[in-house]
Amino acid sequence: FRFIAFVIFLSKVWPVKKVIKIGGYSLLDSAEGGRLHRLRRPLLVIGMVGLQTLFSSIVWNYFMINYHSLLEADLIPGSYSLAVAVKQNMVLKSSGMWMVSYFWRLVNPQLMTQIQLLAVLFGKEAELLQTIPLLGFLPPAVVGVASHIHLQYATQLVWRAVEVRR
């Protein structure tokens, strides 16, 4: 429902007709000022915010599923390996894992919702919604790349212990 509320708010805040002057020419967004035209720009902005939330959720779920299968599961069916468990525990307690967890805490979709609520509280929702489509995909992508690098390192470390076991 907050996306619908943001669309309604932005359609009232932003002007219906915007004149852009380039040289001696003036360009109008449209000759018609209908309801659909008025909602086009807010719908585009809210669509980008929704895509950013979806992107962050998908990347978060991908890495949490992979970390779970690597660190919390028995990698050798039927037997327990102390060496593998020690490596899994070492990766789980490493500073790299703490960094990945902390930065995911900063860019998860729940935090983005809280930031949007703070913007509503301070009356800065229009400014926030204008900057999110431009800069919103960068933090989850950077944290995703760092998580991928750490996951590859952790996978190699744990699977070396599995190979020694065999």
N, C-alpha and C. Protein backbone atom coordinates (compact mmCIF):
# COMPACT_ATOMS: atom_id res chain seq x y z
N PHE A 1 0.80 -1.20 0.00
CA PHE A 1 0.00 0.00 0.00
C PHE A 1 0.85 1.27 0.00
N ARG A 2 2.07 1.16 0.52
CA ARG A 2 2.88 2.39 0.56
C ARG A 2 3.26 2.84 -0.84
N PHE A 3 3.42 1.90 -1.78
CA PHE A 3 3.74 2.29 -3.15
C PHE A 3 2.59 3.07 -3.77
N ILE A 4 1.37 2.65 -3.51
CA ILE A 4 0.20 3.37 -4.02
C ILE A 4 0.14 4.77 -3.41
N ALA A 5 0.42 4.85 -2.11
CA ALA A 5 0.42 6.16 -1.45
C ALA A 5 1.51 7.07 -2.02
N PHE A 6 2.68 6.50 -2.32
CA PHE A 6 3.75 7.30 -2.90
C PHE A 6 3.39 7.77 -4.31
N VAL A 7 2.73 6.94 -5.10
CA VAL A 7 2.30 7.35 -6.45
C VAL A 7 1.33 8.51 -6.36
N ILE A 8 0.37 8.41 -5.46
CA ILE A 8 -0.61 9.50 -5.30
C ILE A 8 0.09 10.77 -4.82
N PHE A 9 1.01 10.64 -3.87
CA PHE A 9 1.72 11.81 -3.36
C PHE A 9 2.56 12.47 -4.45
N LEU A 10 3.31 11.67 -5.20
CA LEU A 10 4.16 12.24 -6.24
C LEU A 10 3.36 12.85 -7.37
N SER A 11 2.21 12.29 -7.68
CA SER A 11 1.39 12.88 -8.75
C SER A 11 0.85 14.24 -8.34
N LYS A 12 0.70 14.48 -7.04
CA LYS A 12 0.24 15.79 -6.57
C LYS A 12 1.38 16.78 -6.40
N VAL A 13 2.58 16.27 -6.07
CA VAL A 13 3.73 17.15 -5.83
C VAL A 13 4.34 17.63 -7.14
N TRP A 14 4.53 16.71 -8.09
CA TRP A 14 5.17 17.08 -9.34
C TRP A 14 4.18 17.77 -10.27
N PRO A 15 4.66 18.77 -11.01
CA PRO A 15 3.75 19.49 -11.92
C PRO A 15 3.26 18.59 -13.05
N VAL A 16 2.07 18.94 -13.54
CA VAL A 16 1.46 18.15 -14.62
C VAL A 16 2.19 18.39 -15.93
N LYS A 17 2.43 19.65 -16.27
CA LYS A 17 3.12 19.98 -17.51
C LYS A 17 4.48 20.58 -17.16
N LYS A 18 5.49 20.04 -17.77
CA LYS A 18 6.83 20.51 -17.53
C LYS A 18 7.39 21.03 -18.85
N VAL A 19 7.83 22.27 -18.86
CA VAL A 19 8.38 22.86 -20.06
C VAL A 19 9.90 22.75 -20.01
N ILE A 20 10.47 22.17 -21.05
CA ILE A 20 11.91 22.04 -21.15
C ILE A 20 12.35 22.90 -22.33
N LYS A 21 13.22 23.86 -22.07
CA LYS A 21 13.68 24.74 -23.15
C LYS A 21 15.09 24.35 -23.55
N ILE A 22 15.23 24.05 -24.82
CA ILE A 22 16.54 23.73 -25.39
C ILE A 22 16.75 24.69 -26.55
N GLY A 23 17.72 25.56 -26.42
CA GLY A 23 17.93 26.57 -27.45
C GLY A 23 16.73 27.49 -27.52
N GLY A 24 16.13 27.63 -28.69
CA GLY A 24 14.95 28.45 -28.87
C GLY A 24 13.67 27.65 -28.86
N TYR A 25 13.79 26.34 -28.70
CA TYR A 25 12.62 25.48 -28.74
C TYR A 25 12.16 25.14 -27.33
N SER A 26 10.88 24.92 -27.19
CA SER A 26 10.35 24.46 -25.91
C SER A 26 9.63 23.13 -26.14
N LEU A 27 9.93 22.20 -25.28
CA LEU A 27 9.34 20.88 -25.38
C LEU A 27 8.40 20.66 -24.21
N LEU A 28 7.20 20.23 -24.50
CA LEU A 28 6.26 19.86 -23.44
C LEU A 28 6.30 18.36 -23.27
N ASP A 29 6.04 17.89 -22.05
CA ASP A 29 5.97 16.45 -21.83
C ASP A 29 4.88 15.83 -22.70
N SER A 30 3.77 16.48 -22.79
CA SER A 30 2.65 15.98 -23.59
C SER A 30 1.67 17.12 -23.80
N ALA A 31 0.93 17.01 -24.87
CA ALA A 31 -0.11 18.01 -25.11
C ALA A 31 -1.31 17.74 -24.22
N GLU A 32 -1.46 16.50 -23.80
CA GLU A 32 -2.57 16.14 -22.94
C GLU A 32 -2.12 16.15 -21.49
N GLY A 33 -2.99 16.57 -20.63
CA GLY A 33 -2.67 16.58 -19.21
C GLY A 33 -3.58 15.62 -18.46
N GLY A 34 -3.88 14.50 -19.03
CA GLY A 34 -4.81 13.55 -18.43
C GLY A 34 -4.25 12.85 -17.21
N ARG A 35 -5.10 12.08 -16.60
CA ARG A 35 -4.74 11.37 -15.38
C ARG A 35 -3.62 10.35 -15.62
N LEU A 36 -3.70 9.64 -16.74
CA LEU A 36 -2.67 8.64 -17.03
C LEU A 36 -1.31 9.31 -17.25
N HIS A 37 -1.32 10.44 -17.92
CA HIS A 37 -0.06 11.16 -18.13
C HIS A 37 0.51 11.66 -16.81
N ARG A 38 -0.35 12.11 -15.93
CA ARG A 38 0.08 12.62 -14.63
C ARG A 38 0.69 11.53 -13.76
N LEU A 39 0.26 10.29 -13.95
CA LEU A 39 0.75 9.18 -13.14
C LEU A 39 1.95 8.46 -13.75
N ARG A 40 2.30 8.80 -14.99
CA ARG A 40 3.38 8.08 -15.67
C ARG A 40 4.71 8.22 -14.94
N ARG A 41 5.12 9.42 -14.64
CA ARG A 41 6.40 9.65 -13.97
C ARG A 41 6.42 9.06 -12.55
N PRO A 42 5.40 9.29 -11.72
CA PRO A 42 5.41 8.63 -10.40
C PRO A 42 5.41 7.11 -10.48
N LEU A 43 4.69 6.55 -11.44
CA LEU A 43 4.70 5.10 -11.59
C LEU A 43 6.07 4.59 -12.00
N LEU A 44 6.77 5.33 -12.83
CA LEU A 44 8.13 4.95 -13.22
C LEU A 44 9.07 4.98 -12.02
N VAL A 45 8.98 6.01 -11.21
CA VAL A 45 9.85 6.14 -10.03
C VAL A 45 9.54 5.02 -9.03
N ILE A 46 8.28 4.79 -8.77
CA ILE A 46 7.90 3.75 -7.81
C ILE A 46 8.24 2.37 -8.36
N GLY A 47 8.14 2.19 -9.67
CA GLY A 47 8.55 0.93 -10.29
C GLY A 47 10.04 0.68 -10.08
N MET A 48 10.84 1.71 -10.19
CA MET A 48 12.28 1.57 -9.95
C MET A 48 12.57 1.25 -8.48
N VAL A 49 11.84 1.87 -7.57
CA VAL A 49 12.00 1.56 -6.14
C VAL A 49 11.61 0.10 -5.88
N GLY A 50 10.53 -0.35 -6.50
CA GLY A 50 10.12 -1.74 -6.35
C GLY A 50 11.14 -2.70 -6.94
N LEU A 51 11.71 -2.36 -8.10
CA LEU A 51 12.75 -3.21 -8.69
C LEU A 51 14.00 -3.26 -7.81
N GLN A 52 14.33 -2.14 -7.19
CA GLN A 52 15.48 -2.13 -6.29
C GLN A 52 15.22 -3.04 -5.10
N THR A 53 14.04 -2.98 -4.54
CA THR A 53 13.68 -3.85 -3.42
C THR A 53 13.72 -5.31 -3.84
N LEU A 54 13.18 -5.60 -5.01
CA LEU A 54 13.20 -6.97 -5.53
C LEU A 54 14.63 -7.45 -5.78
N PHE A 55 15.46 -6.61 -6.36
CA PHE A 55 16.87 -6.95 -6.62
C PHE A 55 17.59 -7.26 -5.32
N SER A 56 17.43 -6.40 -4.33
CA SER A 56 18.09 -6.60 -3.05
C SER A 56 17.60 -7.89 -2.38
N SER A 57 16.31 -8.17 -2.47
CA SER A 57 15.75 -9.39 -1.87
C SER A 57 16.28 -10.64 -2.55
N ILE A 58 16.34 -10.63 -3.87
CA ILE A 58 16.81 -11.80 -4.60
C ILE A 58 18.28 -12.08 -4.30
N VAL A 59 19.10 -11.04 -4.31
CA VAL A 59 20.53 -11.23 -4.03
C VAL A 59 20.73 -11.68 -2.59
N TRP A 60 20.00 -11.09 -1.66
CA TRP A 60 20.07 -11.49 -0.25
C TRP A 60 19.69 -12.96 -0.10
N ASN A 61 18.58 -13.38 -0.69
CA ASN A 61 18.13 -14.77 -0.57
C ASN A 61 19.13 -15.73 -1.19
N TYR A 62 19.70 -15.37 -2.32
CA TYR A 62 20.68 -16.23 -2.99
C TYR A 62 21.87 -16.51 -2.07
N PHE A 63 22.42 -15.46 -1.49
CA PHE A 63 23.60 -15.65 -0.65
C PHE A 63 23.27 -16.33 0.67
N MET A 64 22.13 -16.05 1.26
CA MET A 64 21.79 -16.71 2.52
C MET A 64 21.52 -18.19 2.32
N ILE A 65 20.91 -18.57 1.21
CA ILE A 65 20.70 -20.00 0.91
C ILE A 65 22.05 -20.69 0.70
N ASN A 66 22.96 -20.06 -0.03
CA ASN A 66 24.28 -20.66 -0.26
C ASN A 66 25.11 -20.73 1.01
N TYR A 67 25.07 -19.68 1.83
CA TYR A 67 25.79 -19.74 3.10
C TYR A 67 25.20 -20.81 4.00
N HIS A 68 23.88 -20.95 4.01
CA HIS A 68 23.25 -21.98 4.83
C HIS A 68 23.68 -23.38 4.38
N SER A 69 23.65 -23.62 3.09
CA SER A 69 24.02 -24.96 2.61
C SER A 69 25.51 -25.24 2.82
N LEU A 70 26.34 -24.21 2.85
CA LEU A 70 27.78 -24.41 3.05
C LEU A 70 28.14 -24.55 4.52
N LEU A 71 27.54 -23.72 5.38
CA LEU A 71 28.01 -23.64 6.77
C LEU A 71 27.16 -24.40 7.78
N GLU A 72 25.90 -24.66 7.47
CA GLU A 72 25.04 -25.27 8.47
C GLU A 72 24.60 -26.67 8.12
N ALA A 73 25.09 -27.23 7.06
CA ALA A 73 24.68 -28.56 6.65
C ALA A 73 25.87 -29.50 6.68
N ASP A 74 25.58 -30.79 6.84
CA ASP A 74 26.64 -31.79 6.74
C ASP A 74 26.96 -32.00 5.27
N LEU A 75 28.17 -31.71 4.89
CA LEU A 75 28.55 -31.80 3.48
C LEU A 75 28.83 -33.24 3.06
N ILE A 76 29.17 -34.09 4.03
CA ILE A 76 29.40 -35.51 3.73
C ILE A 76 28.23 -36.28 4.32
N PRO A 77 27.35 -36.81 3.48
CA PRO A 77 26.17 -37.51 4.01
C PRO A 77 26.56 -38.75 4.82
N GLY A 78 25.89 -38.93 5.95
CA GLY A 78 26.05 -40.14 6.73
C GLY A 78 27.17 -40.13 7.74
N SER A 79 28.11 -39.21 7.64
CA SER A 79 29.20 -39.20 8.61
C SER A 79 29.47 -37.77 9.05
N TYR A 80 30.00 -37.66 10.24
CA TYR A 80 30.34 -36.36 10.80
C TYR A 80 31.85 -36.19 10.73
N SER A 81 32.29 -35.08 10.20
CA SER A 81 33.71 -34.80 10.08
C SER A 81 34.05 -33.62 10.96
N LEU A 82 34.92 -33.84 11.91
CA LEU A 82 35.33 -32.78 12.81
C LEU A 82 36.12 -31.70 12.07
N ALA A 83 36.95 -32.09 11.11
CA ALA A 83 37.75 -31.11 10.36
C ALA A 83 36.84 -30.18 9.54
N VAL A 84 35.79 -30.75 8.95
CA VAL A 84 34.86 -29.92 8.18
C VAL A 84 34.09 -29.00 9.12
N ALA A 85 33.67 -29.50 10.26
CA ALA A 85 32.94 -28.68 11.22
C ALA A 85 33.82 -27.54 11.75
N VAL A 86 35.10 -27.81 11.95
CA VAL A 86 36.01 -26.76 12.42
C VAL A 86 36.16 -25.68 11.35
N LYS A 87 36.29 -26.07 10.09
CA LYS A 87 36.41 -25.08 9.00
C LYS A 87 35.13 -24.28 8.85
N GLN A 88 33.97 -24.95 8.95
CA GLN A 88 32.69 -24.23 8.88
C GLN A 88 32.58 -23.22 10.01
N ASN A 89 32.96 -23.62 11.21
CA ASN A 89 32.91 -22.72 12.36
C ASN A 89 33.90 -21.58 12.20
N MET A 90 35.06 -21.86 11.62
CA MET A 90 36.07 -20.82 11.40
C MET A 90 35.56 -19.77 10.41
N VAL A 91 34.91 -20.22 9.34
CA VAL A 91 34.35 -19.28 8.37
C VAL A 91 33.23 -18.48 9.01
N LEU A 92 32.38 -19.14 9.78
CA LEU A 92 31.25 -18.47 10.41
C LEU A 92 31.70 -17.38 11.39
N LYS A 93 32.80 -17.62 12.09
CA LYS A 93 33.29 -16.65 13.07
C LYS A 93 34.32 -15.68 12.50
N SER A 94 34.60 -15.76 11.22
CA SER A 94 35.64 -14.90 10.63
C SER A 94 35.16 -13.46 10.52
N SER A 95 36.12 -12.55 10.44
CA SER A 95 35.77 -11.13 10.30
C SER A 95 35.12 -10.85 8.95
N GLY A 96 35.49 -11.61 7.92
CA GLY A 96 34.84 -11.43 6.61
C GLY A 96 33.36 -11.73 6.64
N MET A 97 32.98 -12.78 7.36
CA MET A 97 31.56 -13.13 7.48
C MET A 97 30.81 -12.06 8.26
N TRP A 98 31.44 -11.52 9.29
CA TRP A 98 30.82 -10.44 10.05
C TRP A 98 30.63 -9.19 9.20
N MET A 99 31.62 -8.90 8.35
CA MET A 99 31.50 -7.73 7.46
C MET A 99 30.36 -7.92 6.46
N VAL A 100 30.29 -9.11 5.86
CA VAL A 100 29.22 -9.39 4.90
C VAL A 100 27.86 -9.27 5.59
N SER A 101 27.74 -9.84 6.78
CA SER A 101 26.47 -9.77 7.51
C SER A 101 26.10 -8.33 7.87
N TYR A 102 27.08 -7.56 8.30
CA TYR A 102 26.82 -6.17 8.69
C TYR A 102 26.36 -5.34 7.48
N PHE A 103 27.05 -5.49 6.36
CA PHE A 103 26.67 -4.68 5.21
C PHE A 103 25.34 -5.12 4.62
N TRP A 104 25.00 -6.41 4.72
CA TRP A 104 23.66 -6.81 4.29
C TRP A 104 22.61 -6.23 5.22
N ARG A 105 22.95 -6.04 6.46
CA ARG A 105 22.02 -5.40 7.39
C ARG A 105 21.74 -3.96 6.97
N LEU A 106 22.72 -3.31 6.35
CA LEU A 106 22.55 -1.93 5.92
C LEU A 106 21.79 -1.76 4.61
N VAL A 107 21.76 -2.78 3.76
CA VAL A 107 21.11 -2.60 2.44
C VAL A 107 19.92 -3.54 2.23
N ASN A 108 19.41 -4.14 3.28
CA ASN A 108 18.27 -5.04 3.09
C ASN A 108 16.98 -4.26 2.84
N PRO A 109 15.97 -4.90 2.29
CA PRO A 109 14.72 -4.19 1.97
C PRO A 109 13.99 -3.62 3.19
N GLN A 110 14.13 -4.25 4.36
CA GLN A 110 13.47 -3.72 5.55
C GLN A 110 14.05 -2.37 5.94
N LEU A 111 15.36 -2.20 5.80
CA LEU A 111 15.97 -0.92 6.11
C LEU A 111 15.53 0.14 5.11
N MET A 112 15.38 -0.25 3.83
CA MET A 112 14.91 0.71 2.83
C MET A 112 13.50 1.19 3.17
N THR A 113 12.67 0.29 3.69
CA THR A 113 11.33 0.69 4.12
C THR A 113 11.40 1.66 5.28
N GLN A 114 12.29 1.41 6.24
CA GLN A 114 12.43 2.31 7.37
C GLN A 114 12.94 3.68 6.93
N ILE A 115 13.83 3.71 5.95
CA ILE A 115 14.32 4.99 5.43
C ILE A 115 13.18 5.75 4.76
N GLN A 116 12.33 5.04 4.03
CA GLN A 116 11.18 5.69 3.40
C GLN A 116 10.23 6.26 4.46
N LEU A 117 10.05 5.53 5.55
CA LEU A 117 9.19 6.05 6.62
C LEU A 117 9.80 7.27 7.30
N LEU A 118 11.13 7.28 7.46
CA LEU A 118 11.78 8.48 8.00
C LEU A 118 11.63 9.66 7.06
N ALA A 119 11.70 9.40 5.76
CA ALA A 119 11.51 10.49 4.79
C ALA A 119 10.10 11.06 4.89
N VAL A 120 9.12 10.20 5.09
CA VAL A 120 7.74 10.67 5.27
C VAL A 120 7.64 11.50 6.54
N LEU A 121 8.29 11.04 7.61
CA LEU A 121 8.25 11.76 8.89
C LEU A 121 8.81 13.17 8.76
N PHE A 122 9.91 13.32 8.01
CA PHE A 122 10.54 14.63 7.88
C PHE A 122 10.08 15.41 6.65
N GLY A 123 9.15 14.85 5.88
CA GLY A 123 8.62 15.56 4.72
C GLY A 123 9.57 15.61 3.54
N LYS A 124 10.45 14.65 3.41
CA LYS A 124 11.44 14.63 2.32
C LYS A 124 11.21 13.45 1.37
N GLU A 125 9.97 12.97 1.28
CA GLU A 125 9.73 11.78 0.45
C GLU A 125 9.94 12.04 -1.03
N ALA A 126 9.65 13.24 -1.50
CA ALA A 126 9.85 13.53 -2.93
C ALA A 126 11.34 13.51 -3.28
N GLU A 127 12.17 14.09 -2.42
CA GLU A 127 13.62 14.08 -2.67
C GLU A 127 14.18 12.66 -2.60
N LEU A 128 13.71 11.88 -1.63
CA LEU A 128 14.19 10.51 -1.50
C LEU A 128 13.80 9.69 -2.72
N LEU A 129 12.56 9.83 -3.15
CA LEU A 129 12.09 9.03 -4.27
C LEU A 129 12.71 9.47 -5.60
N GLN A 130 13.24 10.67 -5.66
CA GLN A 130 13.95 11.09 -6.87
C GLN A 130 15.37 10.55 -6.89
N THR A 131 16.00 10.37 -5.74
CA THR A 131 17.38 9.89 -5.73
C THR A 131 17.50 8.38 -5.67
N ILE A 132 16.49 7.68 -5.17
CA ILE A 132 16.57 6.22 -5.06
C ILE A 132 16.73 5.55 -6.42
N PRO A 133 15.99 5.91 -7.45
CA PRO A 133 16.19 5.21 -8.73
C PRO A 133 17.59 5.40 -9.30
N LEU A 134 18.25 6.50 -8.97
CA LEU A 134 19.59 6.74 -9.50
C LEU A 134 20.66 5.99 -8.71
N LEU A 135 20.58 6.02 -7.40
CA LEU A 135 21.64 5.46 -6.57
C LEU A 135 21.23 4.17 -5.85
N GLY A 136 20.01 3.75 -5.99
CA GLY A 136 19.49 2.65 -5.19
C GLY A 136 20.03 1.28 -5.53
N PHE A 137 20.46 1.06 -6.77
CA PHE A 137 20.95 -0.25 -7.16
C PHE A 137 22.42 -0.45 -6.82
N LEU A 138 23.14 0.60 -6.58
CA LEU A 138 24.58 0.50 -6.34
C LEU A 138 24.94 -0.21 -5.03
N PRO A 139 24.39 0.16 -3.86
CA PRO A 139 24.79 -0.54 -2.63
C PRO A 139 24.49 -2.04 -2.63
N PRO A 140 23.30 -2.50 -3.04
CA PRO A 140 23.09 -3.95 -3.06
C PRO A 140 24.01 -4.66 -4.05
N ALA A 141 24.35 -4.02 -5.16
CA ALA A 141 25.24 -4.65 -6.13
C ALA A 141 26.66 -4.77 -5.57
N VAL A 142 27.14 -3.74 -4.90
CA VAL A 142 28.49 -3.77 -4.32
C VAL A 142 28.56 -4.81 -3.20
N VAL A 143 27.56 -4.85 -2.34
CA VAL A 143 27.54 -5.84 -1.27
C VAL A 143 27.38 -7.24 -1.85
N GLY A 144 26.63 -7.38 -2.94
CA GLY A 144 26.49 -8.67 -3.60
C GLY A 144 27.81 -9.17 -4.17
N VAL A 145 28.59 -8.29 -4.77
CA VAL A 145 29.89 -8.69 -5.31
C VAL A 145 30.83 -9.09 -4.17
N ALA A 146 30.84 -8.31 -3.08
CA ALA A 146 31.69 -8.66 -1.93
C ALA A 146 31.24 -9.98 -1.31
N SER A 147 29.94 -10.21 -1.26
CA SER A 147 29.43 -11.47 -0.72
C SER A 147 29.83 -12.64 -1.61
N HIS A 148 29.80 -12.44 -2.91
CA HIS A 148 30.19 -13.49 -3.84
C HIS A 148 31.66 -13.86 -3.67
N ILE A 149 32.51 -12.85 -3.52
CA ILE A 149 33.94 -13.11 -3.32
C ILE A 149 34.15 -13.88 -2.01
N HIS A 150 33.49 -13.45 -0.94
CA HIS A 150 33.64 -14.14 0.33
C HIS A 150 33.05 -15.56 0.28
N LEU A 151 31.95 -15.74 -0.40
CA LEU A 151 31.34 -17.06 -0.52
C LEU A 151 32.26 -18.02 -1.28
N GLN A 152 32.91 -17.53 -2.33
CA GLN A 152 33.84 -18.38 -3.08
C GLN A 152 35.03 -18.77 -2.20
N TYR A 153 35.55 -17.83 -1.43
CA TYR A 153 36.65 -18.12 -0.52
C TYR A 153 36.23 -19.15 0.53
N ALA A 154 35.05 -18.96 1.12
CA ALA A 154 34.56 -19.88 2.15
C ALA A 154 34.30 -21.27 1.57
N THR A 155 33.77 -21.32 0.36
CA THR A 155 33.50 -22.61 -0.28
C THR A 155 34.80 -23.37 -0.51
N GLN A 156 35.82 -22.69 -1.01
CA GLN A 156 37.11 -23.36 -1.23
C GLN A 156 37.72 -23.85 0.08
N LEU A 157 37.60 -23.04 1.13
CA LEU A 157 38.17 -23.40 2.42
C LEU A 157 37.49 -24.64 2.99
N VAL A 158 36.17 -24.68 2.94
CA VAL A 158 35.43 -25.81 3.50
C VAL A 158 35.61 -27.06 2.64
N TRP A 159 35.59 -26.91 1.33
CA TRP A 159 35.72 -28.10 0.48
C TRP A 159 37.13 -28.68 0.50
N ARG A 160 38.13 -27.88 0.83
CA ARG A 160 39.47 -28.45 1.03
C ARG A 160 39.47 -29.40 2.22
N ALA A 161 38.73 -29.05 3.27
CA ALA A 161 38.62 -29.93 4.42
C ALA A 161 37.85 -31.20 4.06
N VAL A 162 36.87 -31.09 3.18
CA VAL A 162 36.12 -32.25 2.73
C VAL A 162 37.02 -33.17 1.92
N GLU A 163 37.84 -32.60 1.05
CA GLU A 163 38.74 -33.40 0.22
C GLU A 163 39.79 -34.12 1.06
N VAL A 164 40.29 -33.47 2.11
CA VAL A 164 41.26 -34.10 2.98
C VAL A 164 40.60 -35.27 3.72
N ARG A 165 39.33 -35.12 4.02
CA ARG A 165 38.58 -36.17 4.74
C ARG A 165 38.46 -37.42 3.89
N ARG A 166 38.31 -37.27 2.60
CA ARG A 166 38.10 -38.41 1.72
C ARG A 166 39.39 -39.04 1.48
